């Protein structure tokens, strides 16, 4: 969102793999394998974040790359 405030063209977003976030065989972040600790799975609203990025992509503002 910060980049969108400065860039006139779409922003490329790398390192997101929403579909398989809770799959133990998939890396949840581009930089590590850390997952939420038990009881904290919903502290970070991944589904809302995913919806936001997909909306921005549909609007042509960002391009998502896993």
N, C-alpha and C. Protein backbone atom coordinates (compact mmCIF):
# COMPACT_ATOMS: atom_id res chain seq x y z
N UNK A 1 0.83 -1.19 0.00
CA UNK A 1 0.00 0.00 0.00
C UNK A 1 0.87 1.25 0.00
N UNK A 2 1.99 1.17 0.68
CA UNK A 2 2.93 2.30 0.70
C UNK A 2 3.42 2.59 -0.72
N UNK A 3 3.81 1.54 -1.45
CA UNK A 3 4.32 1.72 -2.82
C UNK A 3 3.25 2.31 -3.73
N UNK A 4 1.99 1.93 -3.53
CA UNK A 4 0.92 2.47 -4.37
C UNK A 4 0.78 3.97 -4.23
N UNK A 5 1.14 4.51 -3.09
CA UNK A 5 1.02 5.95 -2.90
C UNK A 5 2.12 6.73 -3.63
N UNK A 6 3.17 6.03 -4.09
CA UNK A 6 4.28 6.69 -4.77
C UNK A 6 4.43 6.32 -6.23
N UNK A 7 3.86 5.20 -6.64
CA UNK A 7 4.07 4.69 -8.00
C UNK A 7 2.89 5.04 -8.90
N UNK A 8 3.20 5.45 -10.11
CA UNK A 8 2.14 5.79 -11.06
C UNK A 8 1.65 4.56 -11.80
N UNK A 9 2.48 3.55 -11.91
CA UNK A 9 2.10 2.30 -12.56
C UNK A 9 1.82 1.26 -11.49
N UNK A 10 1.33 0.11 -11.93
CA UNK A 10 1.05 -0.98 -11.00
C UNK A 10 2.29 -1.42 -10.24
N UNK A 11 2.08 -2.03 -9.12
CA UNK A 11 3.16 -2.49 -8.25
C UNK A 11 3.21 -4.02 -8.31
N UNK A 12 4.42 -4.56 -8.46
CA UNK A 12 4.61 -6.01 -8.42
C UNK A 12 4.83 -6.43 -6.98
N UNK A 13 4.07 -7.43 -6.53
CA UNK A 13 4.15 -7.93 -5.16
C UNK A 13 4.64 -9.37 -5.21
N UNK A 14 5.75 -9.64 -4.55
CA UNK A 14 6.36 -10.98 -4.58
C UNK A 14 6.33 -11.63 -3.20
N UNK A 15 6.29 -12.96 -3.20
CA UNK A 15 6.46 -13.71 -1.97
C UNK A 15 5.20 -14.08 -1.24
N UNK A 16 4.05 -14.01 -1.88
CA UNK A 16 2.79 -14.36 -1.22
C UNK A 16 2.24 -15.65 -1.79
N UNK A 17 1.89 -16.57 -0.91
CA UNK A 17 1.30 -17.84 -1.30
C UNK A 17 0.09 -18.08 -0.41
N UNK A 18 -1.01 -17.41 -0.71
CA UNK A 18 -2.19 -17.47 0.15
C UNK A 18 -2.89 -18.81 0.15
N UNK A 19 -2.99 -19.44 -1.01
CA UNK A 19 -3.81 -20.63 -1.13
C UNK A 19 -3.34 -21.77 -0.22
N UNK A 20 -2.05 -21.89 -0.04
CA UNK A 20 -1.50 -23.02 0.72
C UNK A 20 -0.86 -22.60 2.02
N UNK A 21 -1.32 -21.51 2.60
CA UNK A 21 -0.65 -20.97 3.79
C UNK A 21 -0.54 -21.98 4.92
N UNK A 22 -1.58 -22.76 5.15
CA UNK A 22 -1.55 -23.71 6.27
C UNK A 22 -1.12 -25.11 5.85
N UNK A 23 -0.67 -25.28 4.62
CA UNK A 23 -0.13 -26.56 4.15
C UNK A 23 1.28 -26.71 4.72
N UNK A 24 1.55 -27.77 5.50
CA UNK A 24 2.88 -27.92 6.12
C UNK A 24 4.00 -28.13 5.12
N UNK A 25 3.67 -28.43 3.86
CA UNK A 25 4.69 -28.63 2.83
C UNK A 25 4.99 -27.36 2.03
N UNK A 26 4.27 -26.30 2.31
CA UNK A 26 4.47 -25.02 1.61
C UNK A 26 5.10 -24.00 2.54
N UNK A 27 5.99 -23.21 2.01
CA UNK A 27 6.61 -22.13 2.78
C UNK A 27 5.60 -20.99 2.89
N UNK A 28 5.20 -20.60 4.11
CA UNK A 28 4.19 -19.56 4.25
C UNK A 28 4.69 -18.16 3.93
N UNK A 29 5.98 -17.94 4.11
CA UNK A 29 6.60 -16.66 3.81
C UNK A 29 7.75 -16.90 2.85
N UNK A 30 8.13 -15.91 2.10
CA UNK A 30 9.25 -16.07 1.19
C UNK A 30 10.57 -16.24 1.94
N UNK A 31 10.61 -15.87 3.22
CA UNK A 31 11.88 -15.85 3.96
C UNK A 31 11.99 -16.91 5.05
N UNK A 32 10.92 -17.57 5.46
CA UNK A 32 11.04 -18.59 6.50
C UNK A 32 9.85 -19.55 6.49
N UNK A 33 9.86 -20.50 7.40
CA UNK A 33 8.81 -21.51 7.50
C UNK A 33 7.93 -21.29 8.72
N UNK A 34 8.07 -20.15 9.38
CA UNK A 34 7.31 -19.90 10.61
C UNK A 34 5.82 -19.79 10.34
N UNK A 35 5.05 -20.43 11.19
CA UNK A 35 3.59 -20.38 11.12
C UNK A 35 3.08 -19.84 12.46
N UNK A 36 1.83 -19.39 12.49
CA UNK A 36 1.28 -18.91 13.77
C UNK A 36 1.31 -20.01 14.83
N UNK A 37 1.60 -19.63 16.03
CA UNK A 37 1.58 -20.59 17.14
C UNK A 37 0.14 -20.98 17.45
N UNK A 38 -0.09 -22.18 17.98
CA UNK A 38 -1.45 -22.61 18.31
C UNK A 38 -2.18 -21.56 19.15
N UNK A 39 -3.41 -21.28 18.76
CA UNK A 39 -4.20 -20.27 19.43
C UNK A 39 -4.05 -18.88 18.85
N UNK A 40 -3.07 -18.68 17.95
CA UNK A 40 -2.83 -17.36 17.35
C UNK A 40 -3.06 -17.39 15.84
N UNK A 41 -3.71 -18.44 15.35
CA UNK A 41 -3.91 -18.59 13.91
C UNK A 41 -4.71 -17.44 13.30
N UNK A 42 -5.58 -16.79 14.08
CA UNK A 42 -6.45 -15.77 13.54
C UNK A 42 -6.09 -14.35 13.99
N UNK A 43 -4.92 -14.21 14.63
CA UNK A 43 -4.48 -12.89 15.08
C UNK A 43 -4.18 -12.01 13.87
N UNK A 44 -3.52 -12.56 12.88
CA UNK A 44 -3.26 -11.85 11.63
C UNK A 44 -4.33 -12.30 10.65
N UNK A 45 -5.17 -11.40 10.17
CA UNK A 45 -6.30 -11.80 9.32
C UNK A 45 -5.88 -12.11 7.88
N UNK A 46 -5.30 -13.30 7.66
CA UNK A 46 -4.77 -13.65 6.34
C UNK A 46 -5.84 -13.64 5.26
N UNK A 47 -7.05 -14.08 5.58
CA UNK A 47 -8.10 -14.08 4.57
C UNK A 47 -8.47 -12.65 4.15
N UNK A 48 -8.49 -11.72 5.08
CA UNK A 48 -8.78 -10.32 4.73
C UNK A 48 -7.64 -9.73 3.92
N UNK A 49 -6.41 -10.06 4.30
CA UNK A 49 -5.25 -9.58 3.55
C UNK A 49 -5.28 -10.14 2.13
N UNK A 50 -5.60 -11.41 2.01
CA UNK A 50 -5.70 -12.05 0.69
C UNK A 50 -6.77 -11.35 -0.14
N UNK A 51 -7.93 -11.09 0.44
CA UNK A 51 -9.01 -10.41 -0.28
C UNK A 51 -8.58 -9.02 -0.74
N UNK A 52 -7.86 -8.30 0.10
CA UNK A 52 -7.38 -6.97 -0.26
C UNK A 52 -6.44 -7.04 -1.46
N UNK A 53 -5.47 -7.94 -1.40
CA UNK A 53 -4.51 -8.05 -2.51
C UNK A 53 -5.19 -8.49 -3.80
N UNK A 54 -6.16 -9.40 -3.71
CA UNK A 54 -6.87 -9.83 -4.91
C UNK A 54 -7.72 -8.70 -5.49
N UNK A 55 -8.31 -7.88 -4.63
CA UNK A 55 -9.07 -6.71 -5.09
C UNK A 55 -8.15 -5.72 -5.79
N UNK A 56 -6.99 -5.47 -5.21
CA UNK A 56 -6.02 -4.57 -5.83
C UNK A 56 -5.54 -5.12 -7.16
N UNK A 57 -5.36 -6.43 -7.23
CA UNK A 57 -4.93 -7.06 -8.49
C UNK A 57 -6.04 -6.93 -9.54
N UNK A 58 -7.28 -7.20 -9.16
CA UNK A 58 -8.41 -7.07 -10.09
C UNK A 58 -8.56 -5.65 -10.61
N UNK A 59 -8.20 -4.67 -9.80
CA UNK A 59 -8.28 -3.27 -10.20
C UNK A 59 -7.08 -2.85 -11.05
N UNK A 60 -6.13 -3.77 -11.24
CA UNK A 60 -4.95 -3.46 -12.04
C UNK A 60 -3.90 -2.65 -11.32
N UNK A 61 -4.00 -2.56 -10.00
CA UNK A 61 -3.06 -1.76 -9.23
C UNK A 61 -1.82 -2.53 -8.80
N UNK A 62 -1.97 -3.84 -8.60
CA UNK A 62 -0.83 -4.69 -8.25
C UNK A 62 -0.85 -5.95 -9.10
N UNK A 63 0.33 -6.56 -9.22
CA UNK A 63 0.47 -7.87 -9.85
C UNK A 63 1.08 -8.78 -8.81
N UNK A 64 0.38 -9.87 -8.47
CA UNK A 64 0.86 -10.80 -7.44
C UNK A 64 1.72 -11.89 -8.06
N UNK A 65 2.83 -12.17 -7.41
CA UNK A 65 3.77 -13.22 -7.84
C UNK A 65 4.12 -14.06 -6.62
N UNK A 66 3.97 -15.39 -6.73
CA UNK A 66 4.30 -16.26 -5.58
C UNK A 66 5.78 -16.39 -5.43
